[in-house]
Amino acid sequence: MIRFLADIILFLSIFIFPWWVSLLLILFCIFVFNNFYEALFFAFFIDSAYSLSLFSSVNFYFGVSIFVSIVFVFSYYIKEIVKFNFFR
């Protein structure tokens, strides 16, 4: 139930808040919940909605998705070291 509520809040935050607030919420949820695969979908949705280019001279529009994917993979190792899961 809490995870479903977090999904709804993340979905609404993409439309209400700036992109960086939604990114921070996604990163928080990655570290709070186990196997938060929805983060990849929300990151792709942020890239599609805002068309962000991380590098001004190069048209590279999927930087947020790649960043969230890297954090998602490394979060498994970080969680083992830190034991940061609240809802376990």
C-alpha atoms as a PDB file:
ATOM      1  CA  MET A   1       0.000   0.000   0.000  1.00  0.00           C
ATOM      2  CA  ILE A   2       2.823   2.395   0.844  1.00  0.00           C
ATOM      3  CA  ARG A   3       4.614   1.568  -2.392  1.00  0.00           C
ATOM      4  CA  PHE A   4       1.450   2.220  -4.413  1.00  0.00           C
ATOM      5  CA  LEU A   5       1.075   5.581  -2.667  1.00  0.00           C
ATOM      6  CA  ALA A   6       4.697   6.400  -3.490  1.00  0.00           C
ATOM      7  CA  ASP A   7       4.019   5.563  -7.144  1.00  0.00           C
ATOM      8  CA  ILE A   8       1.059   7.927  -7.234  1.00  0.00           C
ATOM      9  CA  ILE A   9       3.058  10.702  -5.561  1.00  0.00           C
ATOM     10  CA  LEU A  10       5.927  10.226  -8.035  1.00  0.00           C
ATOM     11  CA  PHE A  11       3.580  10.271 -10.999  1.00  0.00           C
ATOM     12  CA  LEU A  12       1.932  13.486  -9.828  1.00  0.00           C
ATOM     13  CA  SER A  13       5.270  15.077  -8.948  1.00  0.00           C
ATOM     14  CA  ILE A  14       6.374  14.815 -12.574  1.00  0.00           C
ATOM     15  CA  PHE A  15       3.538  17.171 -13.547  1.00  0.00           C
ATOM     16  CA  ILE A  16       3.536  19.442 -10.485  1.00  0.00           C
ATOM     17  CA  PHE A  17       7.166  19.917  -9.447  1.00  0.00           C
ATOM     18  CA  PRO A  18      10.321  20.727 -11.413  1.00  0.00           C
ATOM     19  CA  TRP A  19      12.225  17.775 -12.848  1.00  0.00           C
ATOM     20  CA  TRP A  20      14.920  17.822 -10.175  1.00  0.00           C
ATOM     21  CA  VAL A  21      12.385  17.439  -7.334  1.00  0.00           C
ATOM     22  CA  SER A  22      10.942  14.385  -9.062  1.00  0.00           C
ATOM     23  CA  LEU A  23      14.451  13.025  -9.536  1.00  0.00           C
ATOM     24  CA  LEU A  24      15.181  13.416  -5.834  1.00  0.00           C
ATOM     25  CA  LEU A  25      11.950  11.600  -4.983  1.00  0.00           C
ATOM     26  CA  ILE A  26      12.882   8.779  -7.344  1.00  0.00           C
ATOM     27  CA  LEU A  27      16.318   8.445  -5.756  1.00  0.00           C
ATOM     28  CA  PHE A  28      14.769   8.424  -2.288  1.00  0.00           C
ATOM     29  CA  CYS A  29      12.326   5.680  -3.289  1.00  0.00           C
ATOM     30  CA  ILE A  30      15.113   3.589  -4.813  1.00  0.00           C
ATOM     31  CA  PHE A  31      16.871   3.492  -1.463  1.00  0.00           C
ATOM     32  CA  VAL A  32      13.737   3.030   0.647  1.00  0.00           C
ATOM     33  CA  PHE A  33      11.960   0.245  -1.269  1.00  0.00           C
ATOM     34  CA  ASN A  34      13.308  -3.092  -2.414  1.00  0.00           C
ATOM     35  CA  ASN A  35      13.436  -3.625  -6.182  1.00  0.00           C
ATOM     36  CA  PHE A  36      11.833  -0.313  -7.086  1.00  0.00           C
ATOM     37  CA  TYR A  37      11.682  -0.996 -10.833  1.00  0.00           C
ATOM     38  CA  GLU A  38       9.167   1.782 -11.353  1.00  0.00           C
ATOM     39  CA  ALA A  39      12.039   4.243 -11.002  1.00  0.00           C
ATOM     40  CA  LEU A  40      13.248   3.328 -14.481  1.00  0.00           C
ATOM     41  CA  PHE A  41       9.808   4.040 -15.933  1.00  0.00           C
ATOM     42  CA  PHE A  42       9.519   7.370 -14.106  1.00  0.00           C
ATOM     43  CA  ALA A  43      13.025   8.427 -15.189  1.00  0.00           C
ATOM     44  CA  PHE A  44      12.195   7.669 -18.812  1.00  0.00           C
ATOM     45  CA  PHE A  45       8.951   9.596 -18.393  1.00  0.00           C
ATOM     46  CA  ILE A  46      10.851  12.619 -17.021  1.00  0.00           C
ATOM     47  CA  ASP A  47      13.200  12.491 -20.001  1.00  0.00           C
ATOM     48  CA  SER A  48      10.282  12.295 -22.391  1.00  0.00           C
ATOM     49  CA  ALA A  49       8.264  15.038 -20.713  1.00  0.00           C
ATOM     50  CA  TYR A  50      11.013  17.594 -20.151  1.00  0.00           C
ATOM     51  CA  SER A  51      13.449  16.668 -22.961  1.00  0.00           C
ATOM     52  CA  LEU A  52      16.412  17.473 -20.769  1.00  0.00           C
ATOM     53  CA  SER A  53      19.848  17.713 -22.283  1.00  0.00           C
ATOM     54  CA  LEU A  54      22.602  17.300 -19.720  1.00  0.00           C
ATOM     55  CA  PHE A  55      25.254  18.572 -22.091  1.00  0.00           C
ATOM     56  CA  SER A  56      24.476  21.864 -23.789  1.00  0.00           C
ATOM     57  CA  SER A  57      26.563  21.247 -26.906  1.00  0.00           C
ATOM     58  CA  VAL A  58      25.462  17.636 -27.497  1.00  0.00           C
ATOM     59  CA  ASN A  59      21.879  16.480 -28.033  1.00  0.00           C
ATOM     60  CA  PHE A  60      21.866  13.768 -25.375  1.00  0.00           C
ATOM     61  CA  TYR A  61      18.353  13.581 -23.980  1.00  0.00           C
ATOM     62  CA  PHE A  62      18.318  10.416 -21.883  1.00  0.00           C
ATOM     63  CA  GLY A  63      20.751  11.455 -19.173  1.00  0.00           C
ATOM     64  CA  VAL A  64      18.256  11.160 -16.325  1.00  0.00           C
ATOM     65  CA  SER A  65      17.301   7.634 -17.375  1.00  0.00           C
ATOM     66  CA  ILE A  66      20.913   6.534 -17.556  1.00  0.00           C
ATOM     67  CA  PHE A  67      21.708   8.190 -14.214  1.00  0.00           C
ATOM     68  CA  VAL A  68      18.747   6.516 -12.487  1.00  0.00           C
ATOM     69  CA  SER A  69      19.662   3.173 -14.051  1.00  0.00           C
ATOM     70  CA  ILE A  70      23.205   3.421 -12.700  1.00  0.00           C
ATOM     71  CA  VAL A  71      21.983   4.424  -9.244  1.00  0.00           C
ATOM     72  CA  PHE A  72      19.426   1.594  -9.354  1.00  0.00           C
ATOM     73  CA  VAL A  73      22.131  -0.996 -10.043  1.00  0.00           C
ATOM     74  CA  PHE A  74      24.521   0.349  -7.416  1.00  0.00           C
ATOM     75  CA  SER A  75      21.746   0.666  -4.848  1.00  0.00           C
ATOM     76  CA  TYR A  76      21.825  -3.110  -4.308  1.00  0.00           C
ATOM     77  CA  TYR A  77      25.438  -2.891  -3.168  1.00  0.00           C
ATOM     78  CA  ILE A  78      24.905   0.271  -1.153  1.00  0.00           C
ATOM     79  CA  LYS A  79      21.891  -1.236   0.639  1.00  0.00           C
ATOM     80  CA  GLU A  80      23.952  -4.246   1.677  1.00  0.00           C
ATOM     81  CA  ILE A  81      26.602  -2.013   3.168  1.00  0.00           C
ATOM     82  CA  VAL A  82      24.343   0.562   4.836  1.00  0.00           C
ATOM     83  CA  LYS A  83      21.185  -1.481   5.635  1.00  0.00           C
ATOM     84  CA  PHE A  84      18.985   1.470   4.698  1.00  0.00           C
ATOM     85  CA  ASN A  85      15.680  -0.326   4.086  1.00  0.00           C
ATOM     86  CA  PHE A  86      12.907   1.238   6.152  1.00  0.00           C
ATOM     87  CA  PHE A  87      10.016  -1.029   5.247  1.00  0.00           C
ATOM     88  CA  ARG A  88      11.739  -4.399   5.458  1.00  0.00           C
END
